[in-house]
Amino acid sequence: MSPWLTRLVLDPRHRSTRTLLADGGRQHAWLMHLAPESLGDHPRRAAGLLFRVEGGSRDVRVLVQTTDEPRLDTLPMDGVLQAATRSLAAQLESIHSGTTIRYRIVANPTKRWGNSAPKKEMIGKLHTFRGPAAVGWWTERAPAAGLAILSADWRPLPDTIVKGRGHHSRAQFDGLATVSDPDAVRETIRGGLGRSRSYGCGLLSVALVGDAGRGGRE
């Protein structure tokens, strides 16, 4: 089954938008209105819900991916200026071994320290990678996602605050890659990558070089 991508443009001046952007938990709950009801014990995973918030004070966009065609008629539309959706079936079919793609992913570049932690008190703690170390985190995980990285730009983003669940660090990675395993790329697009997928991390967007604007790269 091929996922669907929805692009929502929000009014940054609207009170609902400001409230939404202040809490990753609210974002998750709001976007789950796009999914069917009664999805069991792991509704986000069952819905295939992944999303990414882009833009800033003048332009807020939310890219949302779902397994099934989204139910736009059930989404509260306060503060929404535009909404458009499309199937990613054709794009997934166009991914072949050796294809060069542009990618974007906002991820939670973290690692939970084990016995190899630099200090004993760090064992079991979650460590956030930044700068070149964050790029290393991404390039180490990309092969399992079916990508051979050609270039990688890192940009730090503000943490996502989830009331009652603390802060979730975010970083954006953009660049070029060669597809080494098409099935792994498709699976990563469908399922996401890394931690904090419920709160705006893990959505991998790709576009064939020379095909700008596809796969959420808008």
N, C-alpha and C. Protein backbone atom coordinates (compact mmCIF):
# COMPACT_ATOMS: atom_id res chain seq x y z
N MET A 1 0.85 -1.20 0.00
CA MET A 1 0.00 0.00 0.00
C MET A 1 0.88 1.24 0.00
N SER A 2 0.56 2.20 -0.85
CA SER A 2 1.34 3.43 -0.94
C SER A 2 0.77 4.52 -0.05
N PRO A 3 1.62 5.26 0.61
CA PRO A 3 1.13 6.31 1.51
C PRO A 3 0.61 7.52 0.76
N TRP A 4 -0.02 8.40 1.51
CA TRP A 4 -0.54 9.66 1.01
C TRP A 4 0.19 10.81 1.70
N LEU A 5 0.42 11.88 0.95
CA LEU A 5 1.07 13.06 1.50
C LEU A 5 0.09 14.22 1.47
N THR A 6 -0.06 14.88 2.60
CA THR A 6 -0.95 16.05 2.72
C THR A 6 -0.11 17.26 3.07
N ARG A 7 -0.37 18.35 2.40
CA ARG A 7 0.33 19.62 2.67
C ARG A 7 -0.67 20.62 3.21
N LEU A 8 -0.41 21.07 4.43
CA LEU A 8 -1.27 22.04 5.09
C LEU A 8 -0.51 23.35 5.27
N VAL A 9 -1.10 24.44 4.83
CA VAL A 9 -0.52 25.77 5.02
C VAL A 9 -1.32 26.46 6.12
N LEU A 10 -0.62 26.90 7.17
CA LEU A 10 -1.29 27.48 8.33
C LEU A 10 -1.03 28.98 8.41
N ASP A 11 -1.99 29.67 8.99
CA ASP A 11 -1.86 31.10 9.23
C ASP A 11 -1.09 31.30 10.53
N PRO A 12 0.17 31.80 10.48
CA PRO A 12 0.96 31.91 11.71
C PRO A 12 0.39 32.92 12.70
N ARG A 13 -0.51 33.80 12.24
CA ARG A 13 -1.09 34.81 13.14
C ARG A 13 -2.31 34.28 13.88
N HIS A 14 -2.83 33.15 13.44
CA HIS A 14 -4.05 32.60 14.05
C HIS A 14 -3.73 31.99 15.42
N ARG A 15 -4.61 32.22 16.36
CA ARG A 15 -4.40 31.70 17.71
C ARG A 15 -4.25 30.19 17.72
N SER A 16 -5.05 29.49 16.92
CA SER A 16 -4.97 28.02 16.89
C SER A 16 -3.61 27.56 16.41
N THR A 17 -3.03 28.27 15.45
CA THR A 17 -1.70 27.91 14.96
C THR A 17 -0.66 28.10 16.04
N ARG A 18 -0.70 29.21 16.74
CA ARG A 18 0.28 29.46 17.80
C ARG A 18 0.17 28.41 18.91
N THR A 19 -1.06 28.05 19.26
CA THR A 19 -1.26 27.03 20.28
C THR A 19 -0.72 25.68 19.82
N LEU A 20 -0.96 25.39 18.55
CA LEU A 20 -0.52 24.12 17.97
C LEU A 20 1.00 24.02 17.96
N LEU A 21 1.67 25.08 17.53
CA LEU A 21 3.12 25.05 17.40
C LEU A 21 3.82 24.98 18.75
N ALA A 22 3.13 25.33 19.81
CA ALA A 22 3.74 25.34 21.14
C ALA A 22 3.80 23.97 21.79
N ASP A 23 3.14 22.97 21.21
CA ASP A 23 3.05 21.67 21.88
C ASP A 23 3.00 20.55 20.85
N GLY A 24 4.05 19.73 20.82
CA GLY A 24 4.09 18.61 19.89
C GLY A 24 2.98 17.60 20.12
N GLY A 25 2.54 17.47 21.37
CA GLY A 25 1.43 16.57 21.65
C GLY A 25 0.14 17.02 20.99
N ARG A 26 -0.10 18.32 20.98
CA ARG A 26 -1.28 18.87 20.30
C ARG A 26 -1.19 18.62 18.79
N GLN A 27 0.00 18.78 18.23
CA GLN A 27 0.18 18.52 16.81
C GLN A 27 -0.18 17.08 16.47
N HIS A 28 0.32 16.17 17.27
CA HIS A 28 0.04 14.75 17.06
C HIS A 28 -1.47 14.46 17.13
N ALA A 29 -2.11 14.96 18.19
CA ALA A 29 -3.54 14.70 18.39
C ALA A 29 -4.37 15.31 17.26
N TRP A 30 -3.99 16.51 16.83
CA TRP A 30 -4.73 17.19 15.76
C TRP A 30 -4.63 16.40 14.45
N LEU A 31 -3.44 15.98 14.09
CA LEU A 31 -3.24 15.30 12.82
C LEU A 31 -3.82 13.89 12.82
N MET A 32 -3.98 13.29 13.99
CA MET A 32 -4.60 11.97 14.03
C MET A 32 -6.06 12.01 13.60
N HIS A 33 -6.67 13.20 13.52
CA HIS A 33 -8.02 13.30 12.97
C HIS A 33 -8.07 12.87 11.50
N LEU A 34 -6.91 12.88 10.83
CA LEU A 34 -6.86 12.46 9.42
C LEU A 34 -6.97 10.95 9.26
N ALA A 35 -6.72 10.22 10.33
CA ALA A 35 -6.67 8.76 10.27
C ALA A 35 -7.99 8.14 10.66
N PRO A 36 -8.21 6.89 10.26
CA PRO A 36 -9.42 6.18 10.69
C PRO A 36 -9.45 6.02 12.20
N GLU A 37 -10.62 5.78 12.74
CA GLU A 37 -10.77 5.56 14.17
C GLU A 37 -10.53 4.08 14.51
N SER A 38 -10.41 3.80 15.80
CA SER A 38 -10.29 2.43 16.31
C SER A 38 -9.11 1.69 15.66
N LEU A 39 -7.91 2.24 15.87
CA LEU A 39 -6.71 1.65 15.27
C LEU A 39 -5.90 0.80 16.24
N GLY A 40 -6.48 0.48 17.40
CA GLY A 40 -5.81 -0.42 18.32
C GLY A 40 -4.90 0.27 19.30
N ASP A 41 -3.92 -0.50 19.82
CA ASP A 41 -3.06 -0.01 20.89
C ASP A 41 -1.98 0.94 20.41
N HIS A 42 -1.67 0.92 19.12
CA HIS A 42 -0.62 1.78 18.57
C HIS A 42 -1.18 2.54 17.36
N PRO A 43 -2.09 3.48 17.61
CA PRO A 43 -2.81 4.13 16.52
C PRO A 43 -1.92 4.90 15.55
N ARG A 44 -0.87 5.60 16.05
CA ARG A 44 -0.02 6.35 15.12
C ARG A 44 0.67 5.42 14.14
N ARG A 45 1.20 4.32 14.69
CA ARG A 45 1.90 3.36 13.84
C ARG A 45 0.92 2.73 12.85
N ALA A 46 -0.27 2.38 13.33
CA ALA A 46 -1.27 1.78 12.44
C ALA A 46 -1.71 2.74 11.34
N ALA A 47 -1.77 4.03 11.68
CA ALA A 47 -2.16 5.04 10.70
C ALA A 47 -1.03 5.40 9.75
N GLY A 48 0.20 5.01 10.11
CA GLY A 48 1.36 5.42 9.32
C GLY A 48 1.58 6.92 9.38
N LEU A 49 1.17 7.55 10.49
CA LEU A 49 1.25 9.00 10.59
C LEU A 49 2.68 9.45 10.85
N LEU A 50 3.19 10.28 9.94
CA LEU A 50 4.46 10.96 10.09
C LEU A 50 4.22 12.40 9.65
N PHE A 51 4.92 13.34 10.27
CA PHE A 51 4.72 14.72 9.84
C PHE A 51 5.97 15.55 10.09
N ARG A 52 5.99 16.70 9.44
CA ARG A 52 7.10 17.63 9.58
C ARG A 52 6.56 19.05 9.49
N VAL A 53 6.95 19.88 10.44
CA VAL A 53 6.56 21.29 10.44
C VAL A 53 7.69 22.10 9.83
N GLU A 54 7.37 22.91 8.84
CA GLU A 54 8.37 23.73 8.17
C GLU A 54 7.94 25.19 8.18
N GLY A 55 8.90 26.06 7.90
CA GLY A 55 8.58 27.48 7.82
C GLY A 55 8.86 28.19 9.13
N GLY A 56 8.34 29.43 9.22
CA GLY A 56 8.60 30.23 10.40
C GLY A 56 7.48 31.18 10.71
N SER A 57 7.84 32.41 11.05
CA SER A 57 6.84 33.38 11.50
C SER A 57 5.91 33.83 10.38
N ARG A 58 6.33 33.73 9.13
CA ARG A 58 5.52 34.22 8.02
C ARG A 58 4.89 33.10 7.19
N ASP A 59 5.41 31.91 7.33
CA ASP A 59 4.96 30.82 6.46
C ASP A 59 5.08 29.51 7.22
N VAL A 60 3.98 28.94 7.64
CA VAL A 60 3.99 27.67 8.36
C VAL A 60 3.36 26.59 7.49
N ARG A 61 4.11 25.53 7.25
CA ARG A 61 3.61 24.41 6.46
C ARG A 61 3.76 23.12 7.28
N VAL A 62 2.78 22.26 7.16
CA VAL A 62 2.86 20.96 7.81
C VAL A 62 2.69 19.91 6.72
N LEU A 63 3.70 19.06 6.57
CA LEU A 63 3.63 17.93 5.65
C LEU A 63 3.26 16.70 6.47
N VAL A 64 2.21 16.02 6.06
CA VAL A 64 1.67 14.89 6.82
C VAL A 64 1.57 13.68 5.91
N GLN A 65 2.06 12.55 6.38
CA GLN A 65 1.97 11.32 5.61
C GLN A 65 1.11 10.31 6.37
N THR A 66 0.22 9.64 5.65
CA THR A 66 -0.66 8.61 6.23
C THR A 66 -0.73 7.42 5.29
N THR A 67 -1.00 6.27 5.86
CA THR A 67 -1.12 5.06 5.04
C THR A 67 -2.34 5.12 4.14
N ASP A 68 -3.47 5.54 4.71
CA ASP A 68 -4.71 5.63 3.95
C ASP A 68 -4.95 7.06 3.50
N GLU A 69 -5.83 7.23 2.52
CA GLU A 69 -6.18 8.57 2.07
C GLU A 69 -6.71 9.35 3.27
N PRO A 70 -6.16 10.54 3.54
CA PRO A 70 -6.52 11.28 4.75
C PRO A 70 -7.96 11.77 4.73
N ARG A 71 -8.56 11.84 5.91
CA ARG A 71 -9.94 12.31 6.04
C ARG A 71 -9.92 13.82 6.33
N LEU A 72 -9.71 14.60 5.30
CA LEU A 72 -9.62 16.04 5.46
C LEU A 72 -10.90 16.64 6.03
N ASP A 73 -12.03 15.98 5.78
CA ASP A 73 -13.30 16.51 6.25
C ASP A 73 -13.46 16.38 7.77
N THR A 74 -12.59 15.59 8.42
CA THR A 74 -12.68 15.43 9.88
C THR A 74 -11.59 16.22 10.61
N LEU A 75 -10.73 16.91 9.88
CA LEU A 75 -9.65 17.67 10.49
C LEU A 75 -10.14 19.07 10.89
N PRO A 76 -10.03 19.46 12.16
CA PRO A 76 -10.39 20.84 12.53
C PRO A 76 -9.53 21.82 11.72
N MET A 77 -10.19 22.75 11.04
CA MET A 77 -9.50 23.60 10.07
C MET A 77 -9.23 25.02 10.56
N ASP A 78 -9.36 25.27 11.86
CA ASP A 78 -9.05 26.59 12.39
C ASP A 78 -7.59 26.93 12.09
N GLY A 79 -7.36 28.03 11.41
CA GLY A 79 -6.01 28.46 11.10
C GLY A 79 -5.42 27.86 9.84
N VAL A 80 -6.13 26.95 9.18
CA VAL A 80 -5.63 26.32 7.95
C VAL A 80 -6.01 27.17 6.75
N LEU A 81 -5.01 27.60 5.98
CA LEU A 81 -5.25 28.41 4.79
C LEU A 81 -5.42 27.56 3.53
N GLN A 82 -4.64 26.49 3.44
CA GLN A 82 -4.69 25.61 2.27
C GLN A 82 -4.49 24.17 2.71
N ALA A 83 -5.10 23.26 1.97
CA ALA A 83 -4.92 21.83 2.23
C ALA A 83 -4.97 21.09 0.91
N ALA A 84 -3.96 20.27 0.66
CA ALA A 84 -3.92 19.49 -0.58
C ALA A 84 -3.30 18.14 -0.27
N THR A 85 -3.75 17.12 -0.96
CA THR A 85 -3.25 15.78 -0.69
C THR A 85 -3.07 15.02 -2.00
N ARG A 86 -2.16 14.05 -1.98
CA ARG A 86 -1.92 13.22 -3.16
C ARG A 86 -1.30 11.90 -2.74
N SER A 87 -1.47 10.90 -3.59
CA SER A 87 -0.87 9.60 -3.36
C SER A 87 0.61 9.64 -3.75
N LEU A 88 1.43 8.88 -3.01
CA LEU A 88 2.85 8.78 -3.33
C LEU A 88 3.16 7.52 -4.13
N ALA A 89 2.13 6.86 -4.65
CA ALA A 89 2.34 5.59 -5.36
C ALA A 89 3.30 5.74 -6.53
N ALA A 90 3.07 6.74 -7.38
CA ALA A 90 3.91 6.91 -8.57
C ALA A 90 5.35 7.23 -8.18
N GLN A 91 5.52 8.03 -7.12
CA GLN A 91 6.86 8.38 -6.70
C GLN A 91 7.62 7.17 -6.18
N LEU A 92 6.96 6.33 -5.37
CA LEU A 92 7.63 5.15 -4.84
C LEU A 92 8.02 4.20 -5.97
N GLU A 93 7.19 4.11 -6.99
CA GLU A 93 7.51 3.24 -8.13
C GLU A 93 8.69 3.75 -8.93
N SER A 94 8.96 5.06 -8.84
CA SER A 94 10.05 5.65 -9.63
C SER A 94 11.41 5.49 -8.97
N ILE A 95 11.46 4.93 -7.76
CA ILE A 95 12.72 4.76 -7.04
C ILE A 95 13.38 3.46 -7.48
N HIS A 96 14.57 3.59 -8.05
CA HIS A 96 15.30 2.42 -8.54
C HIS A 96 16.74 2.46 -8.05
N SER A 97 17.38 1.32 -8.04
CA SER A 97 18.77 1.25 -7.63
C SER A 97 19.63 2.12 -8.54
N GLY A 98 20.49 2.92 -7.93
CA GLY A 98 21.37 3.80 -8.68
C GLY A 98 20.80 5.17 -8.95
N THR A 99 19.51 5.36 -8.64
CA THR A 99 18.88 6.66 -8.83
C THR A 99 19.50 7.69 -7.88
N THR A 100 19.75 8.88 -8.38
CA THR A 100 20.21 9.97 -7.53
C THR A 100 19.00 10.80 -7.09
N ILE A 101 18.90 11.03 -5.80
CA ILE A 101 17.75 11.75 -5.25
C ILE A 101 18.21 12.90 -4.35
N ARG A 102 17.34 13.88 -4.22
CA ARG A 102 17.49 14.87 -3.16
C ARG A 102 16.62 14.40 -2.00
N TYR A 103 17.09 14.61 -0.80
CA TYR A 103 16.35 14.16 0.36
C TYR A 103 16.23 15.28 1.39
N ARG A 104 15.25 15.14 2.24
CA ARG A 104 15.12 15.97 3.44
C ARG A 104 14.51 15.11 4.54
N ILE A 105 15.06 15.25 5.72
CA ILE A 105 14.48 14.59 6.89
C ILE A 105 14.75 15.45 8.12
N VAL A 106 13.72 15.64 8.92
CA VAL A 106 13.89 16.21 10.26
C VAL A 106 13.89 15.03 11.22
N ALA A 107 14.98 14.90 11.95
CA ALA A 107 15.16 13.72 12.78
C ALA A 107 15.53 14.12 14.21
N ASN A 108 15.46 13.13 15.08
CA ASN A 108 15.86 13.27 16.48
C ASN A 108 17.21 12.56 16.62
N PRO A 109 18.32 13.29 16.41
CA PRO A 109 19.64 12.64 16.36
C PRO A 109 20.18 12.32 17.75
N THR A 110 19.71 11.23 18.30
CA THR A 110 20.05 10.87 19.68
C THR A 110 20.52 9.43 19.78
N LYS A 111 21.18 9.15 20.87
CA LYS A 111 21.64 7.79 21.19
C LYS A 111 21.57 7.61 22.69
N ARG A 112 21.06 6.47 23.11
CA ARG A 112 21.05 6.17 24.54
C ARG A 112 22.36 5.47 24.91
N TRP A 113 23.09 6.09 25.83
CA TRP A 113 24.40 5.55 26.18
C TRP A 113 24.29 4.20 26.87
N GLY A 114 25.15 3.29 26.46
CA GLY A 114 25.28 2.00 27.12
C GLY A 114 26.55 1.98 27.96
N ASN A 115 27.17 0.83 28.09
CA ASN A 115 28.38 0.70 28.90
C ASN A 115 29.57 1.44 28.31
N SER A 116 29.45 1.87 27.03
CA SER A 116 30.55 2.61 26.40
C SER A 116 30.47 4.11 26.68
N ALA A 117 29.57 4.53 27.53
CA ALA A 117 29.42 5.95 27.85
C ALA A 117 30.72 6.51 28.41
N PRO A 118 31.06 7.77 28.06
CA PRO A 118 32.30 8.38 28.55
C PRO A 118 32.38 8.43 30.08
N LYS A 119 31.24 8.58 30.74
CA LYS A 119 31.21 8.61 32.20
C LYS A 119 30.14 7.65 32.69
N LYS A 120 30.37 7.07 33.85
CA LYS A 120 29.45 6.07 34.40
C LYS A 120 28.05 6.63 34.58
N GLU A 121 27.99 7.91 35.04
CA GLU A 121 26.68 8.51 35.31
C GLU A 121 25.88 8.78 34.03
N MET A 122 26.51 8.64 32.87
CA MET A 122 25.82 8.86 31.60
C MET A 122 25.11 7.60 31.08
N ILE A 123 25.42 6.45 31.67
CA ILE A 123 24.83 5.19 31.20
C ILE A 123 23.30 5.27 31.32
N GLY A 124 22.62 4.94 30.24
CA GLY A 124 21.16 4.98 30.22
C GLY A 124 20.59 6.33 29.84
N LYS A 125 21.45 7.38 29.76
CA LYS A 125 20.98 8.72 29.41
C LYS A 125 20.94 8.89 27.89
N LEU A 126 20.05 9.74 27.44
CA LEU A 126 19.91 10.01 26.02
C LEU A 126 20.83 11.16 25.64
N HIS A 127 21.69 10.94 24.65
CA HIS A 127 22.64 11.96 24.20
C HIS A 127 22.20 12.50 22.85
N THR A 128 22.23 13.83 22.69
CA THR A 128 21.87 14.48 21.44
C THR A 128 23.14 14.87 20.68
N PHE A 129 23.19 14.49 19.41
CA PHE A 129 24.34 14.83 18.57
C PHE A 129 24.09 16.17 17.87
N ARG A 130 25.15 16.96 17.74
CA ARG A 130 25.05 18.25 17.09
C ARG A 130 26.24 18.45 16.15
N GLY A 131 26.06 19.35 15.16
CA GLY A 131 27.14 19.68 14.25
C GLY A 131 27.63 18.46 13.48
N PRO A 132 28.95 18.33 13.28
CA PRO A 132 29.49 17.18 12.54
C PRO A 132 29.08 15.84 13.14
N ALA A 133 28.92 15.78 14.46
CA ALA A 133 28.49 14.52 15.08
C ALA A 133 27.08 14.16 14.66
N ALA A 134 26.22 15.16 14.48
CA ALA A 134 24.85 14.90 14.01
C ALA A 134 24.87 14.39 12.57
N VAL A 135 25.73 14.99 11.74
CA VAL A 135 25.86 14.50 10.36
C VAL A 135 26.34 13.05 10.37
N GLY A 136 27.28 12.75 11.27
CA GLY A 136 27.74 11.36 11.40
C GLY A 136 26.62 10.42 11.80
N TRP A 137 25.79 10.88 12.74
CA TRP A 137 24.63 10.08 13.16
C TRP A 137 23.75 9.74 11.96
N TRP A 138 23.48 10.72 11.10
CA TRP A 138 22.62 10.50 9.94
C TRP A 138 23.30 9.59 8.91
N THR A 139 24.56 9.86 8.58
CA THR A 139 25.22 9.07 7.54
C THR A 139 25.44 7.62 7.98
N GLU A 140 25.52 7.38 9.28
CA GLU A 140 25.64 6.00 9.76
C GLU A 140 24.33 5.24 9.61
N ARG A 141 23.20 5.94 9.69
CA ARG A 141 21.89 5.29 9.60
C ARG A 141 21.34 5.23 8.18
N ALA A 142 21.83 6.08 7.31
CA ALA A 142 21.31 6.14 5.95
C ALA A 142 21.44 4.84 5.17
N PRO A 143 22.56 4.09 5.27
CA PRO A 143 22.64 2.84 4.51
C PRO A 143 21.52 1.85 4.81
N ALA A 144 21.11 1.76 6.09
CA ALA A 144 20.00 0.87 6.43
C ALA A 144 18.69 1.36 5.84
N ALA A 145 18.64 2.66 5.52
CA ALA A 145 17.45 3.22 4.87
C ALA A 145 17.55 3.14 3.36
N GLY A 146 18.60 2.48 2.85
CA GLY A 146 18.73 2.28 1.41
C GLY A 146 19.41 3.41 0.67
N LEU A 147 20.11 4.30 1.39
CA LEU A 147 20.71 5.47 0.77
C LEU A 147 22.22 5.50 0.97
N ALA A 148 22.93 5.81 -0.11
CA ALA A 148 24.36 6.10 -0.04
C ALA A 148 24.50 7.62 -0.13
N ILE A 149 24.87 8.24 0.97
CA ILE A 149 24.87 9.70 1.06
C ILE A 149 26.01 10.29 0.23
N LEU A 150 25.66 11.27 -0.61
CA LEU A 150 26.64 12.01 -1.39
C LEU A 150 26.96 13.35 -0.74
N SER A 151 25.96 13.97 -0.11
CA SER A 151 26.17 15.23 0.61
C SER A 151 25.13 15.32 1.71
N ALA A 152 25.49 16.05 2.77
CA ALA A 152 24.58 16.19 3.91
C ALA A 152 24.79 17.53 4.57
N ASP A 153 23.76 18.35 4.59
CA ASP A 153 23.78 19.61 5.31
C ASP A 153 22.94 19.46 6.57
N TRP A 154 23.46 19.96 7.68
CA TRP A 154 22.79 19.87 8.97
C TRP A 154 22.33 21.25 9.40
N ARG A 155 21.09 21.32 9.89
CA ARG A 155 20.57 22.58 10.42
C ARG A 155 19.84 22.29 11.72
N PRO A 156 20.28 22.91 12.83
CA PRO A 156 19.58 22.68 14.10
C PRO A 156 18.22 23.36 14.09
N LEU A 157 17.26 22.74 14.72
CA LEU A 157 15.91 23.29 14.84
C LEU A 157 15.55 23.39 16.32
N PRO A 158 14.60 24.25 16.66
CA PRO A 158 14.17 24.32 18.06
C PRO A 158 13.61 22.97 18.52
N ASP A 159 13.84 22.65 19.78
CA ASP A 159 13.26 21.42 20.33
C ASP A 159 11.74 21.47 20.24
N THR A 160 11.15 20.30 20.06
CA THR A 160 9.70 20.19 20.18
C THR A 160 9.36 19.96 21.65
N ILE A 161 8.50 20.79 22.17
CA ILE A 161 8.07 20.66 23.56
C ILE A 161 6.77 19.85 23.60
N VAL A 162 6.75 18.82 24.39
CA VAL A 162 5.56 18.00 24.57
C VAL A 162 5.19 18.06 26.04
N LYS A 163 4.07 18.67 26.33
CA LYS A 163 3.68 18.84 27.73
C LYS A 163 3.56 17.48 28.42
N GLY A 164 4.26 17.37 29.53
CA GLY A 164 4.25 16.13 30.29
C GLY A 164 5.26 15.11 29.81
N ARG A 165 5.93 15.38 28.67
CA ARG A 165 6.89 14.42 28.10
C ARG A 165 8.23 15.08 27.77
N GLY A 166 8.43 16.31 28.19
CA GLY A 166 9.72 16.95 28.03
C GLY A 166 9.99 17.50 26.64
N HIS A 167 11.27 17.64 26.33
CA HIS A 167 11.72 18.21 25.06
C HIS A 167 12.23 17.11 24.14
N HIS A 168 12.01 17.30 22.85
CA HIS A 168 12.51 16.37 21.84
C HIS A 168 13.38 17.17 20.88
N SER A 169 14.67 16.85 20.82
CA SER A 169 15.58 17.60 19.96
C SER A 169 15.30 17.28 18.49
N ARG A 170 15.57 18.27 17.64
CA ARG A 170 15.32 18.11 16.20
C ARG A 170 16.48 18.70 15.41
N ALA A 171 16.76 18.07 14.28
CA ALA A 171 17.74 18.60 13.33
C ALA A 171 17.26 18.25 11.93
N GLN A 172 17.54 19.14 10.99
CA GLN A 172 17.14 18.92 9.60
C GLN A 172 18.36 18.55 8.77
N PHE A 173 18.22 17.50 7.97
CA PHE A 173 19.28 17.06 7.08
C PHE A 173 18.78 17.15 5.64
N ASP A 174 19.57 17.80 4.80
CA ASP A 174 19.26 17.93 3.37
C ASP A 174 20.49 17.53 2.57
N GLY A 175 20.27 16.98 1.38
CA GLY A 175 21.41 16.67 0.54
C GLY A 175 21.06 15.77 -0.62
N LEU A 176 22.10 15.18 -1.18
CA LEU A 176 21.97 14.26 -2.30
C LEU A 176 22.37 12.86 -1.85
N ALA A 177 21.75 11.86 -2.45
CA ALA A 177 22.09 10.48 -2.15
C ALA A 177 21.81 9.61 -3.37
N THR A 178 22.47 8.47 -3.41
CA THR A 178 22.20 7.46 -4.43
C THR A 178 21.42 6.33 -3.77
N VAL A 179 20.40 5.85 -4.46
CA VAL A 179 19.60 4.74 -3.95
C VAL A 179 20.39 3.45 -4.08
N SER A 180 20.68 2.81 -2.95
CA SER A 180 21.40 1.53 -2.96
C SER A 180 20.45 0.35 -2.78
N ASP A 181 19.31 0.60 -2.14
CA ASP A 181 18.33 -0.46 -1.89
C ASP A 181 16.93 0.15 -2.00
N PRO A 182 16.30 0.05 -3.16
CA PRO A 182 14.99 0.69 -3.36
C PRO A 182 13.94 0.26 -2.35
N ASP A 183 13.90 -1.03 -2.02
CA ASP A 183 12.89 -1.50 -1.07
C ASP A 183 13.11 -0.89 0.32
N ALA A 184 14.36 -0.74 0.72
CA ALA A 184 14.64 -0.13 2.02
C ALA A 184 14.24 1.35 2.03
N VAL A 185 14.46 2.04 0.91
CA VAL A 185 14.04 3.45 0.83
C VAL A 185 12.53 3.54 0.96
N ARG A 186 11.81 2.70 0.23
CA ARG A 186 10.35 2.73 0.29
C ARG A 186 9.85 2.43 1.70
N GLU A 187 10.48 1.46 2.36
CA GLU A 187 10.07 1.10 3.72
C GLU A 187 10.35 2.24 4.70
N THR A 188 11.48 2.94 4.51
CA THR A 188 11.79 4.07 5.38
C THR A 188 10.82 5.22 5.15
N ILE A 189 10.46 5.46 3.89
CA ILE A 189 9.47 6.50 3.61
C ILE A 189 8.15 6.15 4.29
N ARG A 190 7.74 4.90 4.21
CA ARG A 190 6.47 4.50 4.82
C ARG A 190 6.51 4.56 6.34
N GLY A 191 7.61 4.11 6.93
CA GLY A 191 7.65 3.93 8.38
C GLY A 191 8.39 4.99 9.16
N GLY A 192 9.21 5.79 8.48
CA GLY A 192 9.97 6.81 9.18
C GLY A 192 11.28 6.29 9.73
N LEU A 193 12.04 7.19 10.37
CA LEU A 193 13.37 6.83 10.85
C LEU A 193 13.64 7.52 12.19
N GLY A 194 14.13 6.76 13.14
CA GLY A 194 14.58 7.33 14.40
C GLY A 194 13.49 7.51 15.43
N ARG A 195 13.86 8.21 16.51
CA ARG A 195 12.96 8.47 17.62
C ARG A 195 12.03 9.66 17.33
N SER A 196 11.05 9.84 18.22
CA SER A 196 10.14 11.01 18.23
C SER A 196 9.29 11.10 16.97
N ARG A 197 8.92 9.98 16.39
CA ARG A 197 8.08 10.01 15.18
C ARG A 197 6.67 10.53 15.48
N SER A 198 6.26 10.43 16.73
CA SER A 198 4.94 10.96 17.09
C SER A 198 4.93 12.48 17.16
N TYR A 199 6.13 13.09 17.17
CA TYR A 199 6.22 14.52 17.44
C TYR A 199 7.00 15.28 16.36
N GLY A 200 6.81 14.88 15.12
CA GLY A 200 7.33 15.66 14.00
C GLY A 200 8.70 15.27 13.50
N CYS A 201 9.21 14.10 13.88
CA CYS A 201 10.50 13.63 13.39
C CYS A 201 10.32 12.35 12.58
N GLY A 202 11.30 12.09 11.70
CA GLY A 202 11.36 10.80 11.02
C GLY A 202 10.79 10.74 9.63
N LEU A 203 10.10 11.78 9.16
CA LEU A 203 9.50 11.76 7.82
C LEU A 203 10.59 12.01 6.78
N LEU A 204 10.87 11.02 5.95
CA LEU A 204 11.86 11.13 4.88
C LEU A 204 11.16 11.54 3.59
N SER A 205 11.59 12.67 3.02
CA SER A 205 11.07 13.14 1.74
C SER A 205 12.17 13.03 0.70
N VAL A 206 11.84 12.51 -0.47
CA VAL A 206 12.83 12.37 -1.54
C VAL A 206 12.26 12.92 -2.84
N ALA A 207 13.15 13.34 -3.71
CA ALA A 207 12.77 13.81 -5.04
C ALA A 207 13.87 13.43 -6.01
N LEU A 208 13.50 12.88 -7.15
CA LEU A 208 14.49 12.58 -8.17
C LEU A 208 15.18 13.87 -8.58
N VAL A 209 16.48 13.81 -8.79
CA VAL A 209 17.22 14.99 -9.23
C VAL A 209 16.63 15.45 -10.57
N GLY A 210 16.29 16.73 -10.64
CA GLY A 210 15.63 17.26 -11.83
C GLY A 210 14.13 17.19 -11.76
N ASP A 211 13.60 16.71 -10.58
CA ASP A 211 12.14 16.59 -10.38
C ASP A 211 11.76 17.30 -9.10
N ALA A 212 12.20 18.55 -8.95
CA ALA A 212 11.98 19.31 -7.72
C ALA A 212 10.50 19.45 -7.43
N GLY A 213 10.18 19.41 -6.13
CA GLY A 213 8.79 19.59 -5.73
C GLY A 213 8.06 18.31 -5.44
N ARG A 214 8.70 17.17 -5.78
CA ARG A 214 8.05 15.89 -5.50
C ARG A 214 8.39 15.42 -4.10
N GLY A 215 7.55 14.54 -3.57
CA GLY A 215 7.84 13.91 -2.29
C GLY A 215 7.87 14.86 -1.12
N GLY A 216 7.18 15.99 -1.24
CA GLY A 216 7.13 16.90 -0.13
C GLY A 216 8.20 17.96 -0.15
N ARG A 217 9.09 17.95 -1.15
CA ARG A 217 10.13 18.96 -1.22
C ARG A 217 9.57 20.20 -1.89
N GLU A 218 8.65 20.89 -1.21
CA GLU A 218 7.96 22.03 -1.79
C GLU A 218 8.40 23.30 -1.11
